[in-house]
Protein backbone atom coordinates (compact mmCIF):
# COMPACT_ATOMS: atom_id res chain seq x y z
CA MET A 1 -63.04 -48.07 7.35
CA GLY A 2 -64.80 -51.00 5.66
CA ASN A 3 -65.01 -52.78 9.03
CA LEU A 4 -66.70 -49.77 10.61
CA ARG A 5 -69.19 -49.47 7.76
CA ASN A 6 -70.08 -53.17 8.11
CA ARG A 7 -70.63 -52.75 11.86
CA ALA A 8 -72.87 -49.77 11.32
CA GLU A 9 -74.89 -51.68 8.73
CA THR A 10 -75.27 -54.79 10.91
CA GLY A 11 -75.81 -52.94 14.19
CA GLU A 12 -72.80 -54.70 15.76
CA PRO A 13 -71.23 -52.61 18.54
CA GLY A 14 -67.91 -50.91 18.02
CA PRO A 15 -65.04 -50.51 20.55
CA GLN A 16 -66.20 -50.06 24.17
CA GLY A 17 -69.65 -51.41 23.17
CA THR A 18 -70.54 -48.13 21.43
CA THR A 19 -73.17 -48.58 18.74
CA LEU A 20 -72.14 -47.08 15.39
CA PHE A 21 -74.95 -45.10 13.82
CA GLN A 22 -76.08 -43.62 10.59
CA ALA A 23 -76.59 -39.83 10.60
CA ASN A 24 -80.22 -40.23 9.50
CA GLU A 25 -81.19 -42.35 12.51
CA ILE A 26 -83.68 -40.68 14.87
CA ALA A 27 -83.44 -41.45 18.58
CA GLU A 28 -86.06 -41.27 21.28
CA VAL A 29 -85.65 -38.79 24.18
CA ILE A 30 -83.47 -40.26 26.93
CA SER A 31 -83.32 -38.60 30.33
CA SER A 32 -79.84 -38.38 31.79
CA PRO A 33 -79.24 -38.68 35.56
CA SER A 34 -76.83 -35.72 35.33
CA ALA A 35 -79.25 -33.26 33.70
CA ASP A 36 -79.77 -30.04 35.66
CA THR A 37 -83.43 -29.39 36.42
CA LYS A 38 -82.86 -26.05 38.19
CA GLY A 39 -81.67 -24.11 35.12
CA ASP A 40 -78.37 -22.88 36.62
CA VAL A 41 -77.28 -20.15 34.20
CA GLU A 42 -74.46 -18.81 36.42
CA HIS A 43 -72.27 -21.74 35.29
CA ALA A 44 -71.24 -22.93 31.85
CA ALA A 45 -73.38 -25.72 30.51
CA LEU A 46 -74.30 -27.89 27.54
CA VAL A 47 -77.94 -27.71 26.49
CA GLY A 48 -79.44 -30.54 24.44
CA THR A 49 -80.69 -29.39 21.03
CA SER A 50 -82.10 -32.65 19.65
CA ALA A 51 -83.19 -36.10 20.70
CA PRO A 52 -82.17 -37.92 22.79
CA PHE A 53 -81.31 -35.00 25.16
CA LEU A 54 -83.60 -32.23 23.86
CA ASP A 55 -83.77 -29.26 26.31
CA GLN A 56 -81.74 -31.04 29.02
CA ARG A 57 -79.10 -28.80 30.62
CA PHE A 58 -75.78 -30.16 31.79
CA VAL A 59 -73.77 -27.83 34.09
CA LEU A 60 -69.99 -28.04 33.67
CA LYS A 61 -67.71 -28.41 36.69
CA ARG A 62 -64.70 -26.19 37.45
CA GLY A 63 -61.55 -27.81 36.13
CA LYS A 64 -62.32 -30.97 34.14
CA THR A 65 -65.82 -32.37 33.32
CA GLN A 66 -65.81 -35.94 31.97
CA LEU A 67 -68.60 -36.90 29.55
CA GLY A 68 -69.65 -40.28 28.32
CA ARG A 69 -72.09 -43.19 28.63
CA HIS A 70 -70.46 -44.78 31.74
CA SER A 71 -72.04 -43.94 35.12
CA SER A 72 -68.70 -42.76 36.56
CA ASN A 73 -68.61 -39.73 34.26
CA ASP A 74 -69.50 -36.23 35.55
CA ILE A 75 -72.07 -35.92 32.74
CA VAL A 76 -73.69 -39.26 31.92
CA LEU A 77 -75.12 -39.50 28.38
CA PRO A 78 -76.91 -42.89 28.31
CA ASP A 79 -77.04 -43.20 24.54
CA SER A 80 -75.54 -46.11 22.63
CA SER A 81 -73.82 -43.76 20.12
CA VAL A 82 -71.85 -42.10 22.93
CA SER A 83 -68.69 -43.90 24.06
CA ALA A 84 -68.18 -44.95 27.67
CA ARG A 85 -65.41 -42.33 28.03
CA HIS A 86 -66.17 -39.92 25.22
CA ALA A 87 -64.72 -36.44 25.93
CA TRP A 88 -63.56 -33.90 28.47
CA ILE A 89 -64.39 -30.21 28.81
CA ILE A 90 -61.65 -28.39 30.62
CA GLN A 91 -62.14 -24.93 32.22
CA ASP A 92 -58.95 -22.95 32.80
CA ASN A 93 -58.98 -19.24 33.72
CA GLY A 94 -62.44 -18.75 32.30
CA GLU A 95 -61.63 -20.47 28.98
CA PHE A 96 -63.22 -23.74 27.93
CA ARG A 97 -61.62 -26.50 25.81
CA LEU A 98 -63.20 -29.64 24.51
CA MET A 99 -61.07 -32.76 24.16
CA ASN A 100 -62.11 -36.00 22.46
CA VAL A 101 -60.88 -38.88 24.59
CA LEU A 102 -61.76 -42.43 23.52
CA SER A 103 -64.82 -42.04 21.27
CA THR A 104 -65.86 -44.32 18.48
CA ASN A 105 -68.18 -41.89 16.67
CA GLY A 106 -66.05 -38.80 17.25
CA THR A 107 -66.61 -35.34 18.71
CA HIS A 108 -67.80 -32.45 16.50
CA ILE A 109 -67.93 -28.72 17.04
CA ASN A 110 -70.06 -26.79 14.50
CA GLU A 111 -70.02 -29.89 12.26
CA ASN A 112 -66.22 -30.16 12.28
CA LYS A 113 -64.65 -33.29 13.73
CA VAL A 114 -62.16 -32.26 16.40
CA HIS A 115 -59.66 -33.81 18.80
CA GLU A 116 -59.22 -30.64 20.82
CA ALA A 117 -60.67 -27.15 20.38
CA ALA A 118 -61.63 -24.03 22.25
CA LEU A 119 -65.33 -23.45 22.98
CA THR A 120 -67.24 -20.19 22.62
CA ASP A 121 -70.82 -19.39 23.57
CA GLY A 122 -73.21 -20.81 21.06
CA ASP A 123 -70.91 -23.54 19.64
CA ARG A 124 -72.83 -26.62 18.49
CA ILE A 125 -71.30 -29.81 19.87
CA ARG A 126 -72.06 -33.41 18.94
CA PHE A 127 -70.99 -36.57 20.74
CA GLY A 128 -72.11 -39.52 18.59
CA ARG A 129 -75.70 -38.49 17.80
CA ALA A 130 -76.14 -36.49 21.02
CA GLU A 131 -76.22 -32.79 20.06
CA PHE A 132 -75.78 -29.79 22.33
CA VAL A 133 -75.09 -26.05 22.34
CA PHE A 134 -72.38 -24.67 24.61
CA ARG A 135 -73.52 -21.89 26.91
CA ALA A 136 -70.91 -19.75 28.68
CA PRO A 137 -71.69 -18.70 32.21
CA ALA A 138 -74.01 -15.70 32.63
CA ARG A 139 -72.13 -12.57 33.70
CA ALA A 140 -73.37 -10.54 36.65
CA ASP A 141 -75.21 -7.36 35.59
CA THR A 142 -73.05 -4.41 36.54
CA GLY A 143 -75.20 -1.63 35.12
CA GLY A 144 -76.54 0.89 37.62
CA GLY A 145 -75.24 -0.74 40.82
CA ALA A 146 -73.06 1.14 43.30
CA SER A 147 -70.32 -1.48 43.00
CA ALA A 148 -70.04 -0.75 39.25
CA MET A 149 -69.11 2.89 39.75
CA PRO A 150 -65.44 3.80 39.26
CA ILE A 151 -63.59 4.76 42.43
CA TRP A 152 -62.81 8.28 41.07
CA ILE A 153 -66.56 9.07 41.08
CA TRP A 154 -66.82 8.14 44.75
CA ALA A 155 -63.69 10.15 45.57
CA GLY A 156 -65.08 13.18 43.73
CA ALA A 157 -68.45 12.91 45.51
CA PHE A 158 -66.74 12.77 48.94
CA ALA A 159 -64.55 15.79 48.04
CA ILE A 160 -67.57 17.88 47.02
CA ILE A 161 -69.53 16.87 50.12
CA GLY A 162 -66.52 17.53 52.35
CA GLY A 163 -65.97 20.98 50.76
CA ALA A 164 -69.61 21.89 51.25
CA LEU A 165 -69.45 20.87 54.97
CA VAL A 166 -66.32 22.98 55.47
CA ALA A 167 -67.98 25.92 53.78
CA VAL A 168 -71.11 25.56 55.99
CA LEU A 169 -68.98 25.44 59.18
CA ILE A 170 -66.96 28.48 58.22
CA LEU A 171 -70.02 30.62 57.45
């Protein structure tokens, strides 16, 4: 631990060239090439809550989304406190799990350092000094639409209409 503290104090990079940082350091806003500018709310995403990715939205892929500083990641976070291969977010049957991979500064959910953990809507996630909130996909509104009605209502309506037609034909 002493070696890590000395690196943070001297600004010397850690493993993978990741810069160790002090929590009180403030970063400038950095635009990521993988930020979503269209505001896709139908898919799960990470939304930046502080510099350097404030208000940037990163849509998660189906299956595994790789995050890190290296350009080959699905979500590129070009910040020196983020490791080249920092973490994965895995979607499986509508559930999302975050896994720390090879990070120097760690991965945190709601201020708790984690190796692997489930994500729920509103969780605060931090990779190095890059902070985000996890947003689950928006659900389709089912209120008031015909497709939202239970089948028994449709069956009952057809039975009533059919009975009325038979009665009209008999009279």
